[in-house]
């Protein structure tokens, strides 16, 4: 899995590319935790466009990030989620816990409105 990020108005945007599966969850969570520690953002949003597949460990990683951001009082959301990934999130109940937006602009607007 390849991970990149950018920061816009104190909002970290993560762009994972590849499979969010057991072998990649530890580096995924570590990457995000380091960004949260270094930047203390208003929110963290994940671009899900290029997540090819997710397994139970990947779901666990997303849940862990959701809990960590909530504990730190940091907003958390996902955007540009393809139908298959949305179906997995829906099946395990994550869509009730993690806001999902169609576009980056929608996600940014939601968090920027609270500035």
PDB file of N, CA and C in Angstrom:
ATOM      1  N   UNK A   1       0.843  -1.172   0.000  1.00  0.00           N
ATOM      2  CA  UNK A   1       0.000   0.000   0.000  1.00  0.00           C
ATOM      3  C   UNK A   1       0.889   1.236   0.000  1.00  0.00           C
ATOM      4  N   UNK A   2       0.552   2.171  -0.843  1.00  0.00           N
ATOM      5  CA  UNK A   2       1.241   3.454  -0.911  1.00  0.00           C
ATOM      6  C   UNK A   2       0.378   4.493  -0.203  1.00  0.00           C
ATOM      7  N   UNK A   3       1.002   5.358   0.587  1.00  0.00           N
ATOM      8  CA  UNK A   3       0.287   6.391   1.328  1.00  0.00           C
ATOM      9  C   UNK A   3       0.886   7.757   1.030  1.00  0.00           C
ATOM     10  N   UNK A   4       0.029   8.693   0.680  1.00  0.00           N
ATOM     11  CA  UNK A   4       0.446  10.081   0.542  1.00  0.00           C
ATOM     12  C   UNK A   4      -0.551  10.940   1.311  1.00  0.00           C
ATOM     13  N   UNK A   5      -0.172  12.174   1.530  1.00  0.00           N
ATOM     14  CA  UNK A   5      -1.080  13.077   2.227  1.00  0.00           C
ATOM     15  C   UNK A   5      -0.807  14.520   1.830  1.00  0.00           C
ATOM     16  N   UNK A   6      -1.760  15.369   2.122  1.00  0.00           N
ATOM     17  CA  UNK A   6      -1.579  16.806   2.026  1.00  0.00           C
ATOM     18  C   UNK A   6      -2.374  17.437   3.164  1.00  0.00           C
ATOM     19  N   UNK A   7      -2.114  18.694   3.422  1.00  0.00           N
ATOM     20  CA  UNK A   7      -2.815  19.398   4.494  1.00  0.00           C
ATOM     21  C   UNK A   7      -3.422  20.664   3.907  1.00  0.00           C
ATOM     22  N   UNK A   8      -4.722  20.821   4.129  1.00  0.00           N
ATOM     23  CA  UNK A   8      -5.447  22.007   3.669  1.00  0.00           C
ATOM     24  C   UNK A   8      -6.228  22.581   4.846  1.00  0.00           C
ATOM     25  N   UNK A   9      -5.894  23.787   5.224  1.00  0.00           N
ATOM     26  CA  UNK A   9      -6.614  24.475   6.307  1.00  0.00           C
ATOM     27  C   UNK A   9      -6.725  23.629   7.572  1.00  0.00           C
ATOM     28  N   UNK A  10      -5.594  23.099   8.016  1.00  0.00           N
ATOM     29  CA  UNK A  10      -5.536  22.260   9.231  1.00  0.00           C
ATOM     30  C   UNK A  10      -6.331  20.956   9.120  1.00  0.00           C
ATOM     31  N   UNK A  11      -6.576  20.518   7.899  1.00  0.00           N
ATOM     32  CA  UNK A  11      -7.247  19.241   7.664  1.00  0.00           C
ATOM     33  C   UNK A  11      -6.285  18.349   6.890  1.00  0.00           C
ATOM     34  N   UNK A  12      -5.990  17.195   7.456  1.00  0.00           N
ATOM     35  CA  UNK A  12      -5.093  16.241   6.796  1.00  0.00           C
ATOM     36  C   UNK A  12      -5.934  15.365   5.862  1.00  0.00           C
ATOM     37  N   UNK A  13      -5.482  15.269   4.624  1.00  0.00           N
ATOM     38  CA  UNK A  13      -6.133  14.417   3.635  1.00  0.00           C
ATOM     39  C   UNK A  13      -5.166  13.286   3.299  1.00  0.00           C
ATOM     40  N   UNK A  14      -5.555  12.061   3.629  1.00  0.00           N
ATOM     41  CA  UNK A  14      -4.743  10.868   3.372  1.00  0.00           C
ATOM     42  C   UNK A  14      -5.234  10.219   2.077  1.00  0.00           C
ATOM     43  N   UNK A  15      -4.296   9.783   1.248  1.00  0.00           N
ATOM     44  CA  UNK A  15      -4.654   9.086   0.013  1.00  0.00           C
ATOM     45  C   UNK A  15      -3.952   7.733  -0.020  1.00  0.00           C
ATOM     46  N   UNK A  16      -4.620   6.695   0.505  1.00  0.00           N
ATOM     47  CA  UNK A  16      -4.049   5.341   0.421  1.00  0.00           C
ATOM     48  C   UNK A  16      -4.318   4.740  -0.958  1.00  0.00           C
ATOM     49  N   UNK A  17      -3.348   4.002  -1.466  1.00  0.00           N
ATOM     50  CA  UNK A  17      -3.501   3.352  -2.764  1.00  0.00           C
ATOM     51  C   UNK A  17      -3.085   1.891  -2.626  1.00  0.00           C
ATOM     52  N   UNK A  18      -4.007   1.000  -2.939  1.00  0.00           N
ATOM     53  CA  UNK A  18      -3.720  -0.429  -2.845  1.00  0.00           C
ATOM     54  C   UNK A  18      -4.698  -1.132  -1.932  1.00  0.00           C
ATOM     55  N   UNK A  19      -4.228  -2.200  -1.335  1.00  0.00           N
ATOM     56  CA  UNK A  19      -5.072  -3.044  -0.490  1.00  0.00           C
ATOM     57  C   UNK A  19      -4.909  -2.687   0.982  1.00  0.00           C
ATOM     58  N   UNK A  20      -6.020  -2.467   1.644  1.00  0.00           N
ATOM     59  CA  UNK A  20      -6.002  -2.232   3.095  1.00  0.00           C
ATOM     60  C   UNK A  20      -6.292  -3.578   3.761  1.00  0.00           C
ATOM     61  N   UNK A  21      -5.245  -4.382   3.841  1.00  0.00           N
ATOM     62  CA  UNK A  21      -5.353  -5.749   4.355  1.00  0.00           C
ATOM     63  C   UNK A  21      -4.328  -5.940   5.470  1.00  0.00           C
ATOM     64  N   UNK A  22      -4.376  -7.079   6.093  1.00  0.00           N
ATOM     65  CA  UNK A  22      -3.613  -7.353   7.321  1.00  0.00           C
ATOM     66  C   UNK A  22      -2.143  -6.943   7.239  1.00  0.00           C
ATOM     67  N   UNK A  23      -1.490  -7.170   6.128  1.00  0.00           N
ATOM     68  CA  UNK A  23      -0.068  -6.847   6.019  1.00  0.00           C
ATOM     69  C   UNK A  23       0.192  -5.345   5.965  1.00  0.00           C
ATOM     70  N   UNK A  24      -0.827  -4.554   5.699  1.00  0.00           N
ATOM     71  CA  UNK A  24      -0.640  -3.112   5.529  1.00  0.00           C
ATOM     72  C   UNK A  24      -1.256  -2.269   6.638  1.00  0.00           C
ATOM     73  N   UNK A  25      -1.983  -2.879   7.548  1.00  0.00           N
ATOM     74  CA  UNK A  25      -2.706  -2.077   8.537  1.00  0.00           C
ATOM     75  C   UNK A  25      -1.786  -1.419   9.561  1.00  0.00           C
ATOM     76  N   UNK A  26      -0.754  -2.096   9.985  1.00  0.00           N
ATOM     77  CA  UNK A  26       0.151  -1.492  10.975  1.00  0.00           C
ATOM     78  C   UNK A  26       0.838  -0.245  10.409  1.00  0.00           C
ATOM     79  N   UNK A  27       1.433  -0.312   9.202  1.00  0.00           N
ATOM     80  CA  UNK A  27       2.031   0.909   8.651  1.00  0.00           C
ATOM     81  C   UNK A  27       0.982   2.005   8.380  1.00  0.00           C
ATOM     82  N   UNK A  28      -0.214   1.620   7.987  1.00  0.00           N
ATOM     83  CA  UNK A  28      -1.307   2.567   7.743  1.00  0.00           C
ATOM     84  C   UNK A  28      -1.637   3.332   9.025  1.00  0.00           C
ATOM     85  N   UNK A  29      -1.849   2.604  10.113  1.00  0.00           N
ATOM     86  CA  UNK A  29      -2.180   3.253  11.394  1.00  0.00           C
ATOM     87  C   UNK A  29      -1.003   4.080  11.916  1.00  0.00           C
ATOM     88  N   UNK A  30       0.211   3.569  11.788  1.00  0.00           N
ATOM     89  CA  UNK A  30       1.396   4.301  12.257  1.00  0.00           C
ATOM     90  C   UNK A  30       1.580   5.613  11.496  1.00  0.00           C
ATOM     91  N   UNK A  31       1.370   5.572  10.203  1.00  0.00           N
ATOM     92  CA  UNK A  31       1.489   6.757   9.343  1.00  0.00           C
ATOM     93  C   UNK A  31       0.502   7.824   9.806  1.00  0.00           C
ATOM     94  N   UNK A  32      -0.735   7.409  10.040  1.00  0.00           N
ATOM     95  CA  UNK A  32      -1.774   8.350  10.452  1.00  0.00           C
ATOM     96  C   UNK A  32      -1.512   8.875  11.860  1.00  0.00           C
ATOM     97  N   UNK A  33      -1.129   8.011  12.785  1.00  0.00           N
ATOM     98  CA  UNK A  33      -0.843   8.451  14.149  1.00  0.00           C
ATOM     99  C   UNK A  33       0.292   9.472  14.161  1.00  0.00           C
ATOM    100  N   UNK A  34       1.325   9.242  13.372  1.00  0.00           N
ATOM    101  CA  UNK A  34       2.441  10.191  13.302  1.00  0.00           C
ATOM    102  C   UNK A  34       1.970  11.544  12.775  1.00  0.00           C
ATOM    103  N   UNK A  35       1.114  11.540  11.764  1.00  0.00           N
ATOM    104  CA  UNK A  35       0.583  12.800  11.236  1.00  0.00           C
ATOM    105  C   UNK A  35      -0.256  13.527  12.282  1.00  0.00           C
ATOM    106  N   UNK A  36      -1.080  12.777  13.001  1.00  0.00           N
ATOM    107  CA  UNK A  36      -1.908  13.391  14.044  1.00  0.00           C
ATOM    108  C   UNK A  36      -1.033  13.995  15.135  1.00  0.00           C
ATOM    109  N   UNK A  37       0.027  13.293  15.521  1.00  0.00           N
ATOM    110  CA  UNK A  37       0.941  13.794  16.548  1.00  0.00           C
ATOM    111  C   UNK A  37       1.693  15.041  16.082  1.00  0.00           C
ATOM    112  N   UNK A  38       2.144  15.026  14.840  1.00  0.00           N
ATOM    113  CA  UNK A  38       2.970  16.112  14.316  1.00  0.00           C
ATOM    114  C   UNK A  38       2.185  17.378  13.991  1.00  0.00           C
ATOM    115  N   UNK A  39       0.930  17.233  13.569  1.00  0.00           N
ATOM    116  CA  UNK A  39       0.198  18.384  13.030  1.00  0.00           C
ATOM    117  C   UNK A  39      -1.008  18.827  13.856  1.00  0.00           C
ATOM    118  N   UNK A  40      -1.493  18.000  14.750  1.00  0.00           N
ATOM    119  CA  UNK A  40      -2.667  18.325  15.563  1.00  0.00           C
ATOM    120  C   UNK A  40      -3.750  18.997  14.715  1.00  0.00           C
ATOM    121  N   UNK A  41      -4.302  18.262  13.761  1.00  0.00           N
ATOM    122  CA  UNK A  41      -5.245  18.848  12.808  1.00  0.00           C
ATOM    123  C   UNK A  41      -6.646  19.049  13.391  1.00  0.00           C
ATOM    124  N   UNK A  42      -7.420  19.818  12.667  1.00  0.00           N
ATOM    125  CA  UNK A  42      -8.836  19.976  12.967  1.00  0.00           C
ATOM    126  C   UNK A  42      -9.582  18.696  12.586  1.00  0.00           C
ATOM    127  N   UNK A  43      -9.160  18.082  11.467  1.00  0.00           N
ATOM    128  CA  UNK A  43      -9.827  16.876  10.977  1.00  0.00           C
ATOM    129  C   UNK A  43      -8.862  16.036  10.145  1.00  0.00           C
ATOM    130  N   UNK A  44      -9.250  14.791   9.960  1.00  0.00           N
ATOM    131  CA  UNK A  44      -8.543  13.836   9.114  1.00  0.00           C
ATOM    132  C   UNK A  44      -9.574  13.264   8.157  1.00  0.00           C
ATOM    133  N   UNK A  45      -9.296  13.360   6.867  1.00  0.00           N
ATOM    134  CA  UNK A  45     -10.198  12.735   5.898  1.00  0.00           C
ATOM    135  C   UNK A  45      -9.393  11.799   5.003  1.00  0.00           C
ATOM    136  N   UNK A  46     -10.017  10.706   4.630  1.00  0.00           N
ATOM    137  CA  UNK A  46      -9.346   9.681   3.826  1.00  0.00           C
ATOM    138  C   UNK A  46     -10.020   9.578   2.461  1.00  0.00           C
ATOM    139  N   UNK A  47      -9.202   9.715   1.429  1.00  0.00           N
ATOM    140  CA  UNK A  47      -9.657   9.534   0.058  1.00  0.00           C
ATOM    141  C   UNK A  47      -9.644   8.035  -0.231  1.00  0.00           C
ATOM    142  N   UNK A  48     -10.813   7.451  -0.383  1.00  0.00           N
ATOM    143  CA  UNK A  48     -10.931   5.994  -0.549  1.00  0.00           C
ATOM    144  C   UNK A  48     -10.952   5.538  -2.002  1.00  0.00           C
ATOM    145  N   UNK A  49     -10.765   6.462  -2.924  1.00  0.00           N
ATOM    146  CA  UNK A  49     -10.870   6.164  -4.351  1.00  0.00           C
ATOM    147  C   UNK A  49      -9.986   4.990  -4.787  1.00  0.00           C
ATOM    148  N   UNK A  50      -8.769   4.934  -4.271  1.00  0.00           N
ATOM    149  CA  UNK A  50      -7.810   3.929  -4.739  1.00  0.00           C
ATOM    150  C   UNK A  50      -7.569   2.794  -3.752  1.00  0.00           C
ATOM    151  N   UNK A  51      -8.491   2.603  -2.789  1.00  0.00           N
ATOM    152  CA  UNK A  51      -8.415   1.421  -1.934  1.00  0.00           C
ATOM    153  C   UNK A  51      -9.043   0.280  -2.722  1.00  0.00           C
ATOM    154  N   UNK A  52      -8.220  -0.665  -3.112  1.00  0.00           N
ATOM    155  CA  UNK A  52      -8.668  -1.748  -3.988  1.00  0.00           C
ATOM    156  C   UNK A  52      -9.524  -2.780  -3.269  1.00  0.00           C
ATOM    157  N   UNK A  53      -9.142  -3.104  -2.040  1.00  0.00           N
ATOM    158  CA  UNK A  53      -9.920  -4.056  -1.255  1.00  0.00           C
ATOM    159  C   UNK A  53      -9.580  -3.862   0.216  1.00  0.00           C
ATOM    160  N   UNK A  54     -10.434  -4.390   1.055  1.00  0.00           N
ATOM    161  CA  UNK A  54     -10.243  -4.274   2.498  1.00  0.00           C
ATOM    162  C   UNK A  54     -10.644  -5.601   3.133  1.00  0.00           C
ATOM    163  N   UNK A  55      -9.897  -6.026   4.151  1.00  0.00           N
ATOM    164  CA  UNK A  55     -10.260  -7.236   4.886  1.00  0.00           C
ATOM    165  C   UNK A  55     -10.629  -6.847   6.313  1.00  0.00           C
ATOM    166  N   UNK A  56     -10.834  -7.830   7.166  1.00  0.00           N
ATOM    167  CA  UNK A  56     -11.262  -7.529   8.534  1.00  0.00           C
ATOM    168  C   UNK A  56     -10.215  -6.707   9.285  1.00  0.00           C
ATOM    169  N   UNK A  57      -8.941  -6.924   9.000  1.00  0.00           N
ATOM    170  CA  UNK A  57      -7.893  -6.129   9.636  1.00  0.00           C
ATOM    171  C   UNK A  57      -7.968  -4.678   9.172  1.00  0.00           C
ATOM    172  N   UNK A  58      -8.278  -4.472   7.910  1.00  0.00           N
ATOM    173  CA  UNK A  58      -8.444  -3.123   7.373  1.00  0.00           C
ATOM    174  C   UNK A  58      -9.631  -2.416   7.997  1.00  0.00           C
ATOM    175  N   UNK A  59     -10.715  -3.142   8.186  1.00  0.00           N
ATOM    176  CA  UNK A  59     -11.891  -2.593   8.871  1.00  0.00           C
ATOM    177  C   UNK A  59     -11.508  -2.219  10.303  1.00  0.00           C
ATOM    178  N   UNK A  60     -10.755  -3.093  10.949  1.00  0.00           N
ATOM    179  CA  UNK A  60     -10.282  -2.813  12.305  1.00  0.00           C
ATOM    180  C   UNK A  60      -9.409  -1.571  12.355  1.00  0.00           C
ATOM    181  N   UNK A  61      -8.577  -1.379  11.345  1.00  0.00           N
ATOM    182  CA  UNK A  61      -7.716  -0.194  11.291  1.00  0.00           C
ATOM    183  C   UNK A  61      -8.559   1.073  11.169  1.00  0.00           C
ATOM    184  N   UNK A  62      -9.576   1.034  10.333  1.00  0.00           N
ATOM    185  CA  UNK A  62     -10.457   2.201  10.181  1.00  0.00           C
ATOM    186  C   UNK A  62     -11.198   2.485  11.487  1.00  0.00           C
ATOM    187  N   UNK A  63     -11.647   1.453  12.147  1.00  0.00           N
ATOM    188  CA  UNK A  63     -12.332   1.614  13.431  1.00  0.00           C
ATOM    189  C   UNK A  63     -11.376   2.195  14.471  1.00  0.00           C
ATOM    190  N   UNK A  64     -10.152   1.718  14.481  1.00  0.00           N
ATOM    191  CA  UNK A  64      -9.133   2.216  15.407  1.00  0.00           C
ATOM    192  C   UNK A  64      -8.853   3.700  15.164  1.00  0.00           C
ATOM    193  N   UNK A  65      -8.753   4.092  13.913  1.00  0.00           N
ATOM    194  CA  UNK A  65      -8.524   5.499  13.573  1.00  0.00           C
ATOM    195  C   UNK A  65      -9.728   6.337  13.990  1.00  0.00           C
ATOM    196  N   UNK A  66     -10.912   5.819  13.777  1.00  0.00           N
ATOM    197  CA  UNK A  66     -12.126   6.524  14.190  1.00  0.00           C
ATOM    198  C   UNK A  66     -12.105   6.772  15.701  1.00  0.00           C
ATOM    199  N   UNK A  67     -11.749   5.759  16.458  1.00  0.00           N
ATOM    200  CA  UNK A  67     -11.694   5.899  17.921  1.00  0.00           C
ATOM    201  C   UNK A  67     -10.597   6.872  18.349  1.00  0.00           C
ATOM    202  N   UNK A  68      -9.432   6.784  17.705  1.00  0.00           N
ATOM    203  CA  UNK A  68      -8.324   7.665  18.070  1.00  0.00           C
ATOM    204  C   UNK A  68      -8.661   9.125  17.778  1.00  0.00           C
ATOM    205  N   UNK A  69      -9.262   9.395  16.625  1.00  0.00           N
ATOM    206  CA  UNK A  69      -9.614  10.782  16.311  1.00  0.00           C
ATOM    207  C   UNK A  69     -10.687  11.295  17.267  1.00  0.00           C
ATOM    208  N   UNK A  70     -11.632  10.452  17.604  1.00  0.00           N
ATOM    209  CA  UNK A  70     -12.684  10.865  18.548  1.00  0.00           C
ATOM    210  C   UNK A  70     -12.069  11.190  19.909  1.00  0.00           C
ATOM    211  N   UNK A  71     -11.142  10.360  20.361  1.00  0.00           N
ATOM    212  CA  UNK A  71     -10.480  10.573  21.636  1.00  0.00           C
ATOM    213  C   UNK A  71      -9.705  11.898  21.653  1.00  0.00           C
ATOM    214  N   UNK A  72      -9.139  12.271  20.510  1.00  0.00           N
ATOM    215  CA  UNK A  72      -8.351  13.499  20.391  1.00  0.00           C
ATOM    216  C   UNK A  72      -9.219  14.710  20.007  1.00  0.00           C
ATOM    217  N   UNK A  73     -10.509  14.500  19.858  1.00  0.00           N
ATOM    218  CA  UNK A  73     -11.437  15.556  19.442  1.00  0.00           C
ATOM    219  C   UNK A  73     -11.066  16.107  18.069  1.00  0.00           C
ATOM    220  N   UNK A  74     -10.748  15.194  17.144  1.00  0.00           N
ATOM    221  CA  UNK A  74     -10.401  15.516  15.763  1.00  0.00           C
ATOM    222  C   UNK A  74     -11.495  14.922  14.886  1.00  0.00           C
ATOM    223  N   UNK A  75     -11.976  15.700  13.931  1.00  0.00           N
ATOM    224  CA  UNK A  75     -12.979  15.191  13.004  1.00  0.00           C
ATOM    225  C   UNK A  75     -12.399  14.080  12.133  1.00  0.00           C
ATOM    226  N   UNK A  76     -13.250  13.182  11.679  1.00  0.00           N
ATOM    227  CA  UNK A  76     -12.805  12.071  10.830  1.00  0.00           C
ATOM    228  C   UNK A  76     -13.892  11.745   9.823  1.00  0.00           C
ATOM    229  N   UNK A  77     -13.497  11.571   8.577  1.00  0.00           N
ATOM    230  CA  UNK A  77     -14.446  11.212   7.521  1.00  0.00           C
ATOM    231  C   UNK A  77     -13.689  10.553   6.374  1.00  0.00           C
ATOM    232  N   UNK A  78     -14.459   9.968   5.477  1.00  0.00           N
ATOM    233  CA  UNK A  78     -13.928   9.388   4.242  1.00  0.00           C
ATOM    234  C   UNK A  78     -14.666  10.025   3.066  1.00  0.00           C
ATOM    235  N   UNK A  79     -14.053   9.936   1.893  1.00  0.00           N
ATOM    236  CA  UNK A  79     -14.741  10.415   0.699  1.00  0.00           C
ATOM    237  C   UNK A  79     -14.318   9.603  -0.516  1.00  0.00           C
ATOM    238  N   UNK A  80     -15.099   9.725  -1.557  1.00  0.00           N
ATOM    239  CA  UNK A  80     -14.892   9.070  -2.845  1.00  0.00           C
ATOM    240  C   UNK A  80     -14.766   7.547  -2.699  1.00  0.00           C
ATOM    241  N   UNK A  81     -15.694   6.977  -1.948  1.00  0.00           N
ATOM    242  CA  UNK A  81     -15.693   5.543  -1.687  1.00  0.00           C
ATOM    243  C   UNK A  81     -16.469   4.816  -2.796  1.00  0.00           C
ATOM    244  N   UNK A  82     -15.831   3.846  -3.435  1.00  0.00           N
ATOM    245  CA  UNK A  82     -16.516   3.101  -4.490  1.00  0.00           C
ATOM    246  C   UNK A  82     -17.547   2.146  -3.870  1.00  0.00           C
ATOM    247  N   UNK A  83     -18.464   1.686  -4.693  1.00  0.00           N
ATOM    248  CA  UNK A  83     -19.615   0.916  -4.211  1.00  0.00           C
ATOM    249  C   UNK A  83     -19.238  -0.336  -3.430  1.00  0.00           C
ATOM    250  N   UNK A  84     -18.223  -1.067  -3.884  1.00  0.00           N
ATOM    251  CA  UNK A  84     -17.837  -2.299  -3.182  1.00  0.00           C
ATOM    252  C   UNK A  84     -17.340  -2.009  -1.776  1.00  0.00           C
ATOM    253  N   UNK A  85     -16.510  -0.987  -1.637  1.00  0.00           N
ATOM    254  CA  UNK A  85     -15.998  -0.628  -0.318  1.00  0.00           C
ATOM    255  C   UNK A  85     -17.130  -0.100   0.563  1.00  0.00           C
ATOM    256  N   UNK A  86     -18.010   0.698  -0.021  1.00  0.00           N
ATOM    257  CA  UNK A  86     -19.161   1.201   0.731  1.00  0.00           C
ATOM    258  C   UNK A  86     -20.008   0.032   1.244  1.00  0.00           C
ATOM    259  N   UNK A  87     -20.175  -0.993   0.404  1.00  0.00           N
ATOM    260  CA  UNK A  87     -20.939  -2.175   0.810  1.00  0.00           C
ATOM    261  C   UNK A  87     -20.330  -2.878   2.011  1.00  0.00           C
ATOM    262  N   UNK A  88     -19.009  -2.967   2.039  1.00  0.00           N
ATOM    263  CA  UNK A  88     -18.321  -3.586   3.180  1.00  0.00           C
ATOM    264  C   UNK A  88     -18.519  -2.727   4.431  1.00  0.00           C
ATOM    265  N   UNK A  89     -18.317  -1.417   4.298  1.00  0.00           N
ATOM    266  CA  UNK A  89     -18.518  -0.510   5.438  1.00  0.00           C
ATOM    267  C   UNK A  89     -19.949  -0.602   5.955  1.00  0.00           C
ATOM    268  N   UNK A  90     -20.903  -0.687   5.045  1.00  0.00           N
ATOM    269  CA  UNK A  90     -22.314  -0.784   5.425  1.00  0.00           C
ATOM    270  C   UNK A  90     -22.584  -2.104   6.150  1.00  0.00           C
ATOM    271  N   UNK A  91     -22.039  -3.195   5.634  1.00  0.00           N
ATOM    272  CA  UNK A  91     -22.286  -4.521   6.201  1.00  0.00           C
ATOM    273  C   UNK A  91     -21.788  -4.642   7.644  1.00  0.00           C
ATOM    274  N   UNK A  92     -20.700  -3.948   7.949  1.00  0.00           N
ATOM    275  CA  UNK A  92     -20.139  -4.052   9.305  1.00  0.00           C
ATOM    276  C   UNK A  92     -20.527  -2.871  10.200  1.00  0.00           C
ATOM    277  N   UNK A  93     -21.347  -1.973   9.697  1.00  0.00           N
ATOM    278  CA  UNK A  93     -21.862  -0.871  10.504  1.00  0.00           C
ATOM    279  C   UNK A  93     -20.970   0.354  10.604  1.00  0.00           C
ATOM    280  N   UNK A  94     -19.912   0.430   9.795  1.00  0.00           N
ATOM    281  CA  UNK A  94     -19.017   1.586   9.873  1.00  0.00           C
ATOM    282  C   UNK A  94     -19.635   2.863   9.317  1.00  0.00           C
ATOM    283  N   UNK A  95     -20.609   2.740   8.425  1.00  0.00           N
ATOM    284  CA  UNK A  95     -21.188   3.969   7.870  1.00  0.00           C
ATOM    285  C   UNK A  95     -21.990   4.743   8.911  1.00  0.00           C
ATOM    286  N   UNK A  96     -22.341   4.095  10.014  1.00  0.00           N
ATOM    287  CA  UNK A  96     -22.991   4.825  11.100  1.00  0.00           C
ATOM    288  C   UNK A  96     -21.963   5.541  11.979  1.00  0.00           C
ATOM    289  N   UNK A  97     -20.691   5.158  11.870  1.00  0.00           N
ATOM    290  CA  UNK A  97     -19.647   5.704  12.726  1.00  0.00           C
ATOM    291  C   UNK A  97     -18.737   6.697  12.009  1.00  0.00           C
ATOM    292  N   UNK A  98     -18.598   6.538  10.706  1.00  0.00           N
ATOM    293  CA  UNK A  98     -17.675   7.363   9.934  1.00  0.00           C
ATOM    294  C   UNK A  98     -18.459   8.077   8.834  1.00  0.00           C
ATOM    295  N   UNK A  99     -18.494   9.411   8.873  1.00  0.00           N
ATOM    296  CA  UNK A  99     -19.168  10.139   7.789  1.00  0.00           C
ATOM    297  C   UNK A  99     -18.482   9.866   6.453  1.00  0.00           C
ATOM    298  N   UNK A 100     -19.276   9.682   5.422  1.00  0.00           N
ATOM    299  CA  UNK A 100     -18.746   9.409   4.090  1.00  0.00           C
ATOM    300  C   UNK A 100     -19.314  10.452   3.132  1.00  0.00           C
ATOM    301  N   UNK A 101     -18.415  11.129   2.429  1.00  0.00           N
ATOM    302  CA  UNK A 101     -18.795  12.168   1.477  1.00  0.00           C
ATOM    303  C   UNK A 101     -18.454  11.717   0.068  1.00  0.00           C
ATOM    304  N   UNK A 102     -19.145  12.289  -0.897  1.00  0.00           N
ATOM    305  CA  UNK A 102     -18.874  11.934  -2.293  1.00  0.00           C
ATOM    306  C   UNK A 102     -17.556  12.515  -2.775  1.00  0.00           C
ATOM    307  N   UNK A 103     -17.258  13.762  -2.373  1.00  0.00           N
ATOM    308  CA  UNK A 103     -16.070  14.442  -2.889  1.00  0.00           C
ATOM    309  C   UNK A 103     -15.228  15.025  -1.761  1.00  0.00           C
ATOM    310  N   UNK A 104     -13.995  15.336  -2.103  1.00  0.00           N
ATOM    311  CA  UNK A 104     -13.101  16.004  -1.163  1.00  0.00           C
ATOM    312  C   UNK A 104     -13.670  17.369  -0.771  1.00  0.00           C
ATOM    313  N   UNK A 105     -14.212  18.067  -1.733  1.00  0.00           N
ATOM    314  CA  UNK A 105     -14.765  19.394  -1.476  1.00  0.00           C
ATOM    315  C   UNK A 105     -15.886  19.338  -0.436  1.00  0.00           C
ATOM    316  N   UNK A 106     -16.759  18.336  -0.537  1.00  0.00           N
ATOM    317  CA  UNK A 106     -17.845  18.193   0.436  1.00  0.00           C
ATOM    318  C   UNK A 106     -17.300  17.919   1.836  1.00  0.00           C
ATOM    319  N   UNK A 107     -16.323  17.048   1.929  1.00  0.00           N
ATOM    320  CA  UNK A 107     -15.729  16.715   3.229  1.00  0.00           C
ATOM    321  C   UNK A 107     -15.030  17.930   3.824  1.00  0.00           C
ATOM    322  N   UNK A 108     -14.237  18.623   3.008  1.00  0.00           N
ATOM    323  CA  UNK A 108     -13.552  19.826   3.485  1.00  0.00           C
ATOM    324  C   UNK A 108     -14.547  20.882   3.939  1.00  0.00           C
ATOM    325  N   UNK A 109     -15.582  21.091   3.153  1.00  0.00           N
ATOM    326  CA  UNK A 109     -16.592  22.106   3.493  1.00  0.00           C
ATOM    327  C   UNK A 109     -17.246  21.818   4.838  1.00  0.00           C
ATOM    328  N   UNK A 110     -17.529  20.558   5.100  1.00  0.00           N
ATOM    329  CA  UNK A 110     -18.164  20.191   6.374  1.00  0.00           C
ATOM    330  C   UNK A 110     -17.284  20.614   7.548  1.00  0.00           C
ATOM    331  N   UNK A 111     -15.987  20.285   7.483  1.00  0.00           N
ATOM    332  CA  UNK A 111     -15.098  20.588   8.602  1.00  0.00           C
ATOM    333  C   UNK A 111     -14.709  22.057   8.638  1.00  0.00           C
ATOM    334  N   UNK A 112     -14.564  22.697   7.493  1.00  0.00           N
ATOM    335  CA  UNK A 112     -14.223  24.109   7.465  1.00  0.00           C
ATOM    336  C   UNK A 112     -15.367  24.970   8.000  1.00  0.00           C
ATOM    337  N   UNK A 113     -16.582  24.493   7.901  1.00  0.00           N
ATOM    338  CA  UNK A 113     -17.734  25.228   8.427  1.00  0.00           C
ATOM    339  C   UNK A 113     -17.666  25.347   9.940  1.00  0.00           C
ATOM    340  N   UNK A 114     -16.943  24.434  10.582  1.00  0.00           N
ATOM    341  CA  UNK A 114     -16.849  24.478  12.034  1.00  0.00           C
ATOM    342  C   UNK A 114     -15.654  25.289  12.535  1.00  0.00           C
ATOM    343  N   UNK A 115     -14.942  25.931  11.624  1.00  0.00           N
ATOM    344  CA  UNK A 115     -13.806  26.777  12.040  1.00  0.00           C
ATOM    345  C   UNK A 115     -14.284  28.053  12.688  1.00  0.00           C
TER     346      UNK A 115
END
